[in-house]
Amino acid sequence: MKYLNENTPAYKELADLGATLRQLYEDDCNLPSQQSRSTKITELELKAEQICKELGVTLFLQTDPRGASIYIGDDKINDSNYSMYQVVHSSMITNGTKGTAVAAQDTPF
């Protein structure tokens, strides 16, 4: 599997989207429902989908706020296998298959 390099603008944008989505997912769990929050979540999810489409990778959105929100891969990702793919977050990427963190500069996309 190819990995998206942390130093690319697309990775940084996905990382920012993921961080914002994670916070919104947490708020959605803990606070009263708000239409404006639901609308913002939908907008950000669609933006992440568009970026991944342009990159030619598959997106999985993990809406459980206890971890990362965005996972990407080159296969069909679903609830039962998403942890085997690249998680996108702000400081490093994790190769779920091996269970180890990998420096982004060592994993070009």
PDB file of N, CA and C in Angstrom:
ATOM      1  N   MET A   1       0.831  -1.191   0.000  1.00  0.00           N
ATOM      2  CA  MET A   1       0.000   0.000   0.000  1.00  0.00           C
ATOM      3  C   MET A   1       0.870   1.246   0.000  1.00  0.00           C
ATOM      4  N   LYS A   2       0.444   2.252  -0.738  1.00  0.00           N
ATOM      5  CA  LYS A   2       1.142   3.538  -0.758  1.00  0.00           C
ATOM      6  C   LYS A   2       0.713   4.356   0.455  1.00  0.00           C
ATOM      7  N   TYR A   3       1.606   5.221   0.912  1.00  0.00           N
ATOM      8  CA  TYR A   3       1.277   6.104   2.029  1.00  0.00           C
ATOM      9  C   TYR A   3       1.338   7.554   1.575  1.00  0.00           C
ATOM     10  N   LEU A   4       0.428   8.334   2.074  1.00  0.00           N
ATOM     11  CA  LEU A   4       0.408   9.760   1.792  1.00  0.00           C
ATOM     12  C   LEU A   4       1.442  10.435   2.683  1.00  0.00           C
ATOM     13  N   ASN A   5       2.346  11.179   2.087  1.00  0.00           N
ATOM     14  CA  ASN A   5       3.416  11.844   2.816  1.00  0.00           C
ATOM     15  C   ASN A   5       2.869  13.009   3.634  1.00  0.00           C
ATOM     16  N   GLU A   6       3.294  13.076   4.888  1.00  0.00           N
ATOM     17  CA  GLU A   6       2.846  14.118   5.816  1.00  0.00           C
ATOM     18  C   GLU A   6       3.199  15.526   5.354  1.00  0.00           C
ATOM     19  N   ASN A   7       4.196  15.653   4.522  1.00  0.00           N
ATOM     20  CA  ASN A   7       4.651  16.967   4.082  1.00  0.00           C
ATOM     21  C   ASN A   7       3.877  17.513   2.885  1.00  0.00           C
ATOM     22  N   THR A   8       2.921  16.768   2.378  1.00  0.00           N
ATOM     23  CA  THR A   8       2.153  17.256   1.239  1.00  0.00           C
ATOM     24  C   THR A   8       0.997  18.129   1.705  1.00  0.00           C
ATOM     25  N   PRO A   9       0.589  19.089   0.885  1.00  0.00           N
ATOM     26  CA  PRO A   9      -0.566  19.924   1.242  1.00  0.00           C
ATOM     27  C   PRO A   9      -1.837  19.091   1.463  1.00  0.00           C
ATOM     28  N   ALA A  10      -2.026  18.041   0.677  1.00  0.00           N
ATOM     29  CA  ALA A  10      -3.231  17.214   0.823  1.00  0.00           C
ATOM     30  C   ALA A  10      -3.265  16.534   2.190  1.00  0.00           C
ATOM     31  N   TYR A  11      -2.110  16.014   2.649  1.00  0.00           N
ATOM     32  CA  TYR A  11      -2.067  15.375   3.964  1.00  0.00           C
ATOM     33  C   TYR A  11      -2.389  16.393   5.048  1.00  0.00           C
ATOM     34  N   LYS A  12      -1.772  17.543   4.959  1.00  0.00           N
ATOM     35  CA  LYS A  12      -2.003  18.577   5.976  1.00  0.00           C
ATOM     36  C   LYS A  12      -3.470  18.999   6.016  1.00  0.00           C
ATOM     37  N   GLU A  13      -4.083  19.118   4.846  1.00  0.00           N
ATOM     38  CA  GLU A  13      -5.498  19.488   4.803  1.00  0.00           C
ATOM     39  C   GLU A  13      -6.368  18.383   5.397  1.00  0.00           C
ATOM     40  N   LEU A  14      -6.068  17.120   5.059  1.00  0.00           N
ATOM     41  CA  LEU A  14      -6.819  16.008   5.643  1.00  0.00           C
ATOM     42  C   LEU A  14      -6.613  15.935   7.155  1.00  0.00           C
ATOM     43  N   ALA A  15      -5.391  16.187   7.617  1.00  0.00           N
ATOM     44  CA  ALA A  15      -5.117  16.168   9.059  1.00  0.00           C
ATOM     45  C   ALA A  15      -5.926  17.245   9.781  1.00  0.00           C
ATOM     46  N   ASP A  16      -5.976  18.428   9.195  1.00  0.00           N
ATOM     47  CA  ASP A  16      -6.771  19.509   9.786  1.00  0.00           C
ATOM     48  C   ASP A  16      -8.258  19.161   9.791  1.00  0.00           C
ATOM     49  N   LEU A  17      -8.735  18.611   8.679  1.00  0.00           N
ATOM     50  CA  LEU A  17     -10.139  18.200   8.612  1.00  0.00           C
ATOM     51  C   LEU A  17     -10.431  17.125   9.654  1.00  0.00           C
ATOM     52  N   GLY A  18      -9.516  16.166   9.789  1.00  0.00           N
ATOM     53  CA  GLY A  18      -9.697  15.083  10.756  1.00  0.00           C
ATOM     54  C   GLY A  18      -9.757  15.591  12.178  1.00  0.00           C
ATOM     55  N   ALA A  19      -8.894  16.533  12.510  1.00  0.00           N
ATOM     56  CA  ALA A  19      -8.889  17.084  13.870  1.00  0.00           C
ATOM     57  C   ALA A  19     -10.192  17.826  14.159  1.00  0.00           C
ATOM     58  N   THR A  20     -10.653  18.589  13.189  1.00  0.00           N
ATOM     59  CA  THR A  20     -11.909  19.318  13.362  1.00  0.00           C
ATOM     60  C   THR A  20     -13.086  18.350  13.451  1.00  0.00           C
ATOM     61  N   LEU A  21     -13.093  17.350  12.579  1.00  0.00           N
ATOM     62  CA  LEU A  21     -14.178  16.368  12.613  1.00  0.00           C
ATOM     63  C   LEU A  21     -14.200  15.614  13.935  1.00  0.00           C
ATOM     64  N   ARG A  22     -13.031  15.226  14.437  1.00  0.00           N
ATOM     65  CA  ARG A  22     -12.983  14.497  15.704  1.00  0.00           C
ATOM     66  C   ARG A  22     -13.616  15.311  16.822  1.00  0.00           C
ATOM     67  N   GLN A  23     -13.319  16.599  16.851  1.00  0.00           N
ATOM     68  CA  GLN A  23     -13.903  17.470  17.874  1.00  0.00           C
ATOM     69  C   GLN A  23     -15.415  17.597  17.679  1.00  0.00           C
ATOM     70  N   LEU A  24     -15.846  17.727  16.438  1.00  0.00           N
ATOM     71  CA  LEU A  24     -17.283  17.825  16.174  1.00  0.00           C
ATOM     72  C   LEU A  24     -17.998  16.514  16.511  1.00  0.00           C
ATOM     73  N   TYR A  25     -17.359  15.377  16.227  1.00  0.00           N
ATOM     74  CA  TYR A  25     -17.948  14.082  16.590  1.00  0.00           C
ATOM     75  C   TYR A  25     -18.077  13.968  18.111  1.00  0.00           C
ATOM     76  N   GLU A  26     -17.055  14.460  18.829  1.00  0.00           N
ATOM     77  CA  GLU A  26     -17.114  14.440  20.290  1.00  0.00           C
ATOM     78  C   GLU A  26     -18.254  15.326  20.793  1.00  0.00           C
ATOM     79  N   ASP A  27     -18.350  16.513  20.240  1.00  0.00           N
ATOM     80  CA  ASP A  27     -19.437  17.418  20.627  1.00  0.00           C
ATOM     81  C   ASP A  27     -20.798  16.795  20.311  1.00  0.00           C
ATOM     82  N   ASP A  28     -20.871  16.110  19.182  1.00  0.00           N
ATOM     83  CA  ASP A  28     -22.121  15.467  18.791  1.00  0.00           C
ATOM     84  C   ASP A  28     -22.539  14.390  19.796  1.00  0.00           C
ATOM     85  N   CYS A  29     -21.542  13.733  20.410  1.00  0.00           N
ATOM     86  CA  CYS A  29     -21.835  12.699  21.422  1.00  0.00           C
ATOM     87  C   CYS A  29     -22.236  13.303  22.765  1.00  0.00           C
ATOM     88  N   ASN A  30     -21.635  14.430  23.112  1.00  0.00           N
ATOM     89  CA  ASN A  30     -21.757  14.947  24.467  1.00  0.00           C
ATOM     90  C   ASN A  30     -22.688  16.145  24.641  1.00  0.00           C
ATOM     91  N   LEU A  31     -23.029  16.808  23.555  1.00  0.00           N
ATOM     92  CA  LEU A  31     -23.833  18.025  23.652  1.00  0.00           C
ATOM     93  C   LEU A  31     -25.184  17.827  22.978  1.00  0.00           C
ATOM     94  N   PRO A  32     -26.142  18.654  23.307  1.00  0.00           N
ATOM     95  CA  PRO A  32     -27.435  18.565  22.630  1.00  0.00           C
ATOM     96  C   PRO A  32     -27.276  18.726  21.113  1.00  0.00           C
ATOM     97  N   SER A  33     -28.109  18.062  20.375  1.00  0.00           N
ATOM     98  CA  SER A  33     -28.057  18.099  18.924  1.00  0.00           C
ATOM     99  C   SER A  33     -28.250  19.523  18.403  1.00  0.00           C
ATOM    100  N   GLN A  34     -27.459  19.860  17.377  1.00  0.00           N
ATOM    101  CA  GLN A  34     -27.572  21.169  16.732  1.00  0.00           C
ATOM    102  C   GLN A  34     -27.487  20.986  15.224  1.00  0.00           C
ATOM    103  N   GLN A  35     -28.414  21.583  14.514  1.00  0.00           N
ATOM    104  CA  GLN A  35     -28.419  21.481  13.058  1.00  0.00           C
ATOM    105  C   GLN A  35     -27.145  22.082  12.462  1.00  0.00           C
ATOM    106  N   SER A  36     -26.662  23.187  13.031  1.00  0.00           N
ATOM    107  CA  SER A  36     -25.456  23.821  12.490  1.00  0.00           C
ATOM    108  C   SER A  36     -24.249  22.894  12.598  1.00  0.00           C
ATOM    109  N   ARG A  37     -24.154  22.129  13.700  1.00  0.00           N
ATOM    110  CA  ARG A  37     -23.044  21.185  13.860  1.00  0.00           C
ATOM    111  C   ARG A  37     -23.164  20.059  12.839  1.00  0.00           C
ATOM    112  N   SER A  38     -24.356  19.532  12.652  1.00  0.00           N
ATOM    113  CA  SER A  38     -24.579  18.458  11.680  1.00  0.00           C
ATOM    114  C   SER A  38     -24.237  18.920  10.269  1.00  0.00           C
ATOM    115  N   THR A  39     -24.602  20.144   9.944  1.00  0.00           N
ATOM    116  CA  THR A  39     -24.299  20.707   8.630  1.00  0.00           C
ATOM    117  C   THR A  39     -22.796  20.842   8.443  1.00  0.00           C
ATOM    118  N   LYS A  40     -22.090  21.326   9.467  1.00  0.00           N
ATOM    119  CA  LYS A  40     -20.638  21.486   9.391  1.00  0.00           C
ATOM    120  C   LYS A  40     -19.957  20.131   9.225  1.00  0.00           C
ATOM    121  N   ILE A  41     -20.415  19.123   9.966  1.00  0.00           N
ATOM    122  CA  ILE A  41     -19.847  17.776   9.831  1.00  0.00           C
ATOM    123  C   ILE A  41     -20.001  17.286   8.393  1.00  0.00           C
ATOM    124  N   THR A  42     -21.174  17.429   7.844  1.00  0.00           N
ATOM    125  CA  THR A  42     -21.427  16.985   6.471  1.00  0.00           C
ATOM    126  C   THR A  42     -20.524  17.702   5.485  1.00  0.00           C
ATOM    127  N   GLU A  43     -20.376  19.015   5.634  1.00  0.00           N
ATOM    128  CA  GLU A  43     -19.514  19.797   4.743  1.00  0.00           C
ATOM    129  C   GLU A  43     -18.066  19.310   4.804  1.00  0.00           C
ATOM    130  N   LEU A  44     -17.548  19.074   6.011  1.00  0.00           N
ATOM    131  CA  LEU A  44     -16.165  18.632   6.169  1.00  0.00           C
ATOM    132  C   LEU A  44     -15.960  17.214   5.652  1.00  0.00           C
ATOM    133  N   GLU A  45     -16.936  16.341   5.881  1.00  0.00           N
ATOM    134  CA  GLU A  45     -16.839  14.974   5.363  1.00  0.00           C
ATOM    135  C   GLU A  45     -16.805  14.978   3.833  1.00  0.00           C
ATOM    136  N   LEU A  46     -17.636  15.793   3.223  1.00  0.00           N
ATOM    137  CA  LEU A  46     -17.641  15.890   1.758  1.00  0.00           C
ATOM    138  C   LEU A  46     -16.321  16.454   1.228  1.00  0.00           C
ATOM    139  N   LYS A  47     -15.754  17.402   1.943  1.00  0.00           N
ATOM    140  CA  LYS A  47     -14.462  17.965   1.538  1.00  0.00           C
ATOM    141  C   LYS A  47     -13.365  16.895   1.608  1.00  0.00           C
ATOM    142  N   ALA A  48     -13.360  16.095   2.668  1.00  0.00           N
ATOM    143  CA  ALA A  48     -12.383  15.009   2.799  1.00  0.00           C
ATOM    144  C   ALA A  48     -12.571  13.982   1.682  1.00  0.00           C
ATOM    145  N   GLU A  49     -13.819  13.655   1.371  1.00  0.00           N
ATOM    146  CA  GLU A  49     -14.099  12.716   0.281  1.00  0.00           C
ATOM    147  C   GLU A  49     -13.565  13.241  -1.041  1.00  0.00           C
ATOM    148  N   GLN A  50     -13.744  14.527  -1.305  1.00  0.00           N
ATOM    149  CA  GLN A  50     -13.265  15.118  -2.550  1.00  0.00           C
ATOM    150  C   GLN A  50     -11.739  15.063  -2.643  1.00  0.00           C
ATOM    151  N   ILE A  51     -11.054  15.393  -1.565  1.00  0.00           N
ATOM    152  CA  ILE A  51      -9.590  15.340  -1.561  1.00  0.00           C
ATOM    153  C   ILE A  51      -9.119  13.922  -1.852  1.00  0.00           C
ATOM    154  N   CYS A  52      -9.729  12.941  -1.194  1.00  0.00           N
ATOM    155  CA  CYS A  52      -9.324  11.549  -1.391  1.00  0.00           C
ATOM    156  C   CYS A  52      -9.620  11.082  -2.816  1.00  0.00           C
ATOM    157  N   LYS A  53     -10.723  11.523  -3.363  1.00  0.00           N
ATOM    158  CA  LYS A  53     -11.057  11.175  -4.743  1.00  0.00           C
ATOM    159  C   LYS A  53      -9.991  11.712  -5.694  1.00  0.00           C
ATOM    160  N   GLU A  54      -9.582  12.963  -5.474  1.00  0.00           N
ATOM    161  CA  GLU A  54      -8.537  13.565  -6.311  1.00  0.00           C
ATOM    162  C   GLU A  54      -7.212  12.833  -6.182  1.00  0.00           C
ATOM    163  N   LEU A  55      -6.932  12.285  -4.994  1.00  0.00           N
ATOM    164  CA  LEU A  55      -5.690  11.546  -4.759  1.00  0.00           C
ATOM    165  C   LEU A  55      -5.770  10.103  -5.240  1.00  0.00           C
ATOM    166  N   GLY A  56      -6.980   9.634  -5.507  1.00  0.00           N
ATOM    167  CA  GLY A  56      -7.153   8.252  -5.932  1.00  0.00           C
ATOM    168  C   GLY A  56      -7.066   7.260  -4.788  1.00  0.00           C
ATOM    169  N   VAL A  57      -7.431   7.702  -3.582  1.00  0.00           N
ATOM    170  CA  VAL A  57      -7.426   6.815  -2.417  1.00  0.00           C
ATOM    171  C   VAL A  57      -8.837   6.716  -1.854  1.00  0.00           C
ATOM    172  N   THR A  58      -9.067   5.663  -1.087  1.00  0.00           N
ATOM    173  CA  THR A  58     -10.360   5.448  -0.465  1.00  0.00           C
ATOM    174  C   THR A  58     -10.353   6.051   0.930  1.00  0.00           C
ATOM    175  N   LEU A  59     -11.444   6.689   1.299  1.00  0.00           N
ATOM    176  CA  LEU A  59     -11.586   7.343   2.600  1.00  0.00           C
ATOM    177  C   LEU A  59     -12.488   6.522   3.504  1.00  0.00           C
ATOM    178  N   PHE A  60     -12.108   6.415   4.780  1.00  0.00           N
ATOM    179  CA  PHE A  60     -12.997   5.872   5.800  1.00  0.00           C
ATOM    180  C   PHE A  60     -13.058   6.893   6.928  1.00  0.00           C
ATOM    181  N   LEU A  61     -14.264   7.259   7.320  1.00  0.00           N
ATOM    182  CA  LEU A  61     -14.461   8.203   8.420  1.00  0.00           C
ATOM    183  C   LEU A  61     -14.877   7.434   9.665  1.00  0.00           C
ATOM    184  N   GLN A  62     -14.046   7.493  10.697  1.00  0.00           N
ATOM    185  CA  GLN A  62     -14.350   6.864  11.976  1.00  0.00           C
ATOM    186  C   GLN A  62     -14.993   7.942  12.844  1.00  0.00           C
ATOM    187  N   THR A  63     -16.275   7.795  13.107  1.00  0.00           N
ATOM    188  CA  THR A  63     -17.003   8.836  13.830  1.00  0.00           C
ATOM    189  C   THR A  63     -16.952   8.680  15.342  1.00  0.00           C
ATOM    190  N   ASP A  64     -16.310   7.636  15.824  1.00  0.00           N
ATOM    191  CA  ASP A  64     -16.100   7.476  17.267  1.00  0.00           C
ATOM    192  C   ASP A  64     -15.018   8.479  17.670  1.00  0.00           C
ATOM    193  N   PRO A  65     -15.327   9.432  18.545  1.00  0.00           N
ATOM    194  CA  PRO A  65     -14.377  10.504  18.846  1.00  0.00           C
ATOM    195  C   PRO A  65     -13.188  10.096  19.717  1.00  0.00           C
ATOM    196  N   ARG A  66     -13.076   8.828  20.077  1.00  0.00           N
ATOM    197  CA  ARG A  66     -11.974   8.406  20.946  1.00  0.00           C
ATOM    198  C   ARG A  66     -10.678   8.147  20.202  1.00  0.00           C
ATOM    199  N   GLY A  67     -10.659   8.391  18.911  1.00  0.00           N
ATOM    200  CA  GLY A  67      -9.444   8.163  18.136  1.00  0.00           C
ATOM    201  C   GLY A  67      -9.429   9.023  16.892  1.00  0.00           C
ATOM    202  N   ALA A  68      -8.600   8.632  15.946  1.00  0.00           N
ATOM    203  CA  ALA A  68      -8.491   9.371  14.694  1.00  0.00           C
ATOM    204  C   ALA A  68      -9.785   9.271  13.894  1.00  0.00           C
ATOM    205  N   SER A  69     -10.053  10.276  13.104  1.00  0.00           N
ATOM    206  CA  SER A  69     -11.284  10.325  12.320  1.00  0.00           C
ATOM    207  C   SER A  69     -11.107   9.898  10.875  1.00  0.00           C
ATOM    208  N   ILE A  70      -9.907  10.085  10.328  1.00  0.00           N
ATOM    209  CA  ILE A  70      -9.688   9.829   8.902  1.00  0.00           C
ATOM    210  C   ILE A  70      -8.667   8.713   8.707  1.00  0.00           C
ATOM    211  N   TYR A  71      -9.089   7.728   7.922  1.00  0.00           N
ATOM    212  CA  TYR A  71      -8.223   6.640   7.486  1.00  0.00           C
ATOM    213  C   TYR A  71      -8.288   6.609   5.967  1.00  0.00           C
ATOM    214  N   ILE A  72      -7.149   6.338   5.327  1.00  0.00           N
ATOM    215  CA  ILE A  72      -7.129   6.264   3.872  1.00  0.00           C
ATOM    216  C   ILE A  72      -6.417   4.995   3.433  1.00  0.00           C
ATOM    217  N   GLY A  73      -6.751   4.548   2.241  1.00  0.00           N
ATOM    218  CA  GLY A  73      -6.117   3.363   1.685  1.00  0.00           C
ATOM    219  C   GLY A  73      -6.396   3.255   0.206  1.00  0.00           C
ATOM    220  N   ASP A  74      -5.897   2.187  -0.389  1.00  0.00           N
ATOM    221  CA  ASP A  74      -6.120   1.987  -1.808  1.00  0.00           C
ATOM    222  C   ASP A  74      -7.091   0.837  -2.065  1.00  0.00           C
ATOM    223  N   ASP A  75      -7.784   0.396  -1.058  1.00  0.00           N
ATOM    224  CA  ASP A  75      -8.792  -0.664  -1.163  1.00  0.00           C
ATOM    225  C   ASP A  75     -10.099  -0.186  -0.552  1.00  0.00           C
ATOM    226  N   LYS A  76     -11.082  -1.059  -0.558  1.00  0.00           N
ATOM    227  CA  LYS A  76     -12.355  -0.767   0.104  1.00  0.00           C
ATOM    228  C   LYS A  76     -12.151  -0.863   1.609  1.00  0.00           C
ATOM    229  N   ILE A  77     -12.390   0.218   2.317  1.00  0.00           N
ATOM    230  CA  ILE A  77     -12.228   0.274   3.768  1.00  0.00           C
ATOM    231  C   ILE A  77     -13.617   0.233   4.395  1.00  0.00           C
ATOM    232  N   ASN A  78     -13.743  -0.519   5.484  1.00  0.00           N
ATOM    233  CA  ASN A  78     -15.034  -0.583   6.165  1.00  0.00           C
ATOM    234  C   ASN A  78     -14.828  -0.697   7.677  1.00  0.00           C
ATOM    235  N   ASP A  79     -15.930  -0.841   8.410  1.00  0.00           N
ATOM    236  CA  ASP A  79     -15.884  -0.898   9.872  1.00  0.00           C
ATOM    237  C   ASP A  79     -15.021  -2.030  10.416  1.00  0.00           C
ATOM    238  N   SER A  80     -14.879  -3.090   9.663  1.00  0.00           N
ATOM    239  CA  SER A  80     -14.149  -4.241  10.190  1.00  0.00           C
ATOM    240  C   SER A  80     -12.665  -4.262   9.829  1.00  0.00           C
ATOM    241  N   ASN A  81     -12.220  -3.380   8.926  1.00  0.00           N
ATOM    242  CA  ASN A  81     -10.808  -3.430   8.536  1.00  0.00           C
ATOM    243  C   ASN A  81     -10.088  -2.083   8.506  1.00  0.00           C
ATOM    244  N   TYR A  82     -10.747  -1.000   8.889  1.00  0.00           N
ATOM    245  CA  TYR A  82     -10.143   0.338   8.745  1.00  0.00           C
ATOM    246  C   TYR A  82      -8.821   0.492   9.484  1.00  0.00           C
ATOM    247  N   SER A  83      -8.627  -0.225  10.588  1.00  0.00           N
ATOM    248  CA  SER A  83      -7.393  -0.069  11.371  1.00  0.00           C
ATOM    249  C   SER A  83      -6.166  -0.632  10.660  1.00  0.00           C
ATOM    250  N   MET A  84      -6.354  -1.331   9.549  1.00  0.00           N
ATOM    251  CA  MET A  84      -5.235  -1.861   8.770  1.00  0.00           C
ATOM    252  C   MET A  84      -4.672  -0.829   7.795  1.00  0.00           C
ATOM    253  N   TYR A  85      -5.296   0.339   7.728  1.00  0.00           N
ATOM    254  CA  TYR A  85      -4.912   1.339   6.751  1.00  0.00           C
ATOM    255  C   TYR A  85      -4.247   2.543   7.399  1.00  0.00           C
ATOM    256  N   GLN A  86      -3.814   3.488   6.569  1.00  0.00           N
ATOM    257  CA  GLN A  86      -3.133   4.679   7.069  1.00  0.00           C
ATOM    258  C   GLN A  86      -4.100   5.587   7.793  1.00  0.00           C
ATOM    259  N   VAL A  87      -3.741   5.922   9.025  1.00  0.00           N
ATOM    260  CA  VAL A  87      -4.508   6.896   9.785  1.00  0.00           C
ATOM    261  C   VAL A  87      -3.879   8.263   9.527  1.00  0.00           C
ATOM    262  N   VAL A  88      -4.704   9.272   9.328  1.00  0.00           N
ATOM    263  CA  VAL A  88      -4.210  10.618   9.060  1.00  0.00           C
ATOM    264  C   VAL A  88      -4.380  11.456  10.318  1.00  0.00           C
ATOM    265  N   HIS A  89      -3.271  11.952  10.846  1.00  0.00           N
ATOM    266  CA  HIS A  89      -3.321  12.888  11.963  1.00  0.00           C
ATOM    267  C   HIS A  89      -2.146  13.825  11.886  1.00  0.00           C
ATOM    268  N   SER A  90      -2.041  14.748  12.780  1.00  0.00           N
ATOM    269  CA  SER A  90      -1.154  15.886  12.587  1.00  0.00           C
ATOM    270  C   SER A  90       0.337  15.634  12.753  1.00  0.00           C
ATOM    271  N   SER A  91       0.781  14.658  13.540  1.00  0.00           N
ATOM    272  CA  SER A  91       2.208  14.566  13.798  1.00  0.00           C
ATOM    273  C   SER A  91       2.918  13.399  13.128  1.00  0.00           C
ATOM    274  N   MET A  92       2.223  12.304  12.850  1.00  0.00           N
ATOM    275  CA  MET A  92       2.858  11.164  12.191  1.00  0.00           C
ATOM    276  C   MET A  92       1.770  10.302  11.580  1.00  0.00           C
ATOM    277  N   ILE A  93       2.198   9.310  10.812  1.00  0.00           N
ATOM    278  CA  ILE A  93       1.243   8.350  10.295  1.00  0.00           C
ATOM    279  C   ILE A  93       1.511   7.007  10.947  1.00  0.00           C
ATOM    280  N   THR A  94       0.496   6.185  11.011  1.00  0.00           N
ATOM    281  CA  THR A  94       0.632   4.877  11.628  1.00  0.00           C
ATOM    282  C   THR A  94       0.278   3.811  10.610  1.00  0.00           C
ATOM    283  N   ASN A  95       1.115   2.814  10.514  1.00  0.00           N
ATOM    284  CA  ASN A  95       0.822   1.677   9.667  1.00  0.00           C
ATOM    285  C   ASN A  95       0.116   0.660  10.545  1.00  0.00           C
ATOM    286  N   GLY A  96      -1.211   0.626  10.473  1.00  0.00           N
ATOM    287  CA  GLY A  96      -2.008  -0.244  11.328  1.00  0.00           C
ATOM    288  C   GLY A  96      -1.688  -1.712  11.155  1.00  0.00           C
ATOM    289  N   THR A  97      -1.295  -2.124   9.953  1.00  0.00           N
ATOM    290  CA  THR A  97      -1.000  -3.524   9.703  1.00  0.00           C
ATOM    291  C   THR A  97       0.167  -3.993  10.554  1.00  0.00           C
ATOM    292  N   LYS A  98       1.187  -3.161  10.675  1.00  0.00           N
ATOM    293  CA  LYS A  98       2.347  -3.516  11.475  1.00  0.00           C
ATOM    294  C   LYS A  98       2.234  -3.000  12.903  1.00  0.00           C
ATOM    295  N   GLY A  99       1.322  -2.064  13.119  1.00  0.00           N
ATOM    296  CA  GLY A  99       1.117  -1.521  14.455  1.00  0.00           C
ATOM    297  C   GLY A  99       2.231  -0.619  14.925  1.00  0.00           C
ATOM    298  N   THR A 100       2.973  -0.025  14.000  1.00  0.00           N
ATOM    299  CA  THR A 100       4.071   0.848  14.393  1.00  0.00           C
ATOM    300  C   THR A 100       3.928   2.207  13.720  1.00  0.00           C
ATOM    301  N   ALA A 101       4.404   3.229  14.380  1.00  0.00           N
ATOM    302  CA  ALA A 101       4.409   4.564  13.785  1.00  0.00           C
ATOM    303  C   ALA A 101       5.570   4.644  12.817  1.00  0.00           C
ATOM    304  N   VAL A 102       5.351   5.305  11.691  1.00  0.00           N
ATOM    305  CA  VAL A 102       6.364   5.434  10.658  1.00  0.00           C
ATOM    306  C   VAL A 102       6.544   6.909  10.359  1.00  0.00           C
ATOM    307  N   ALA A 103       7.790   7.361  10.299  1.00  0.00           N
ATOM    308  CA  ALA A 103       8.037   8.766   9.984  1.00  0.00           C
ATOM    309  C   ALA A 103       7.527   9.061   8.583  1.00  0.00           C
ATOM    310  N   ALA A 104       6.836  10.160   8.422  1.00  0.00           N
ATOM    311  CA  ALA A 104       6.205  10.483   7.138  1.00  0.00           C
ATOM    312  C   ALA A 104       7.206  10.599   6.001  1.00  0.00           C
ATOM    313  N   GLN A 105       8.391  11.134   6.261  1.00  0.00           N
ATOM    314  CA  GLN A 105       9.347  11.302   5.187  1.00  0.00           C
ATOM    315  C   GLN A 105       9.834   9.958   4.629  1.00  0.00           C
ATOM    316  N   ASP A 106       9.650   8.874   5.378  1.00  0.00           N
ATOM    317  CA  ASP A 106      10.047   7.561   4.915  1.00  0.00           C
ATOM    318  C   ASP A 106       8.949   6.853   4.130  1.00  0.00           C
ATOM    319  N   THR A 107       7.805   7.491   3.986  1.00  0.00           N
ATOM    320  CA  THR A 107       6.676   6.830   3.339  1.00  0.00           C
ATOM    321  C   THR A 107       6.063   7.712   2.270  1.00  0.00           C
ATOM    322  N   PRO A 108       6.768   7.921   1.145  1.00  0.00           N
ATOM    323  CA  PRO A 108       6.230   8.794   0.110  1.00  0.00           C
ATOM    324  C   PRO A 108       4.987   8.206  -0.517  1.00  0.00           C
ATOM    325  N   PHE A 109       4.138   9.087  -0.988  1.00  0.00           N
ATOM    326  CA  PHE A 109       2.887   8.653  -1.606  1.00  0.00           C
ATOM    327  C   PHE A 109       3.077   8.495  -3.089  1.00  0.00           C
TER     328      PHE A 109
END
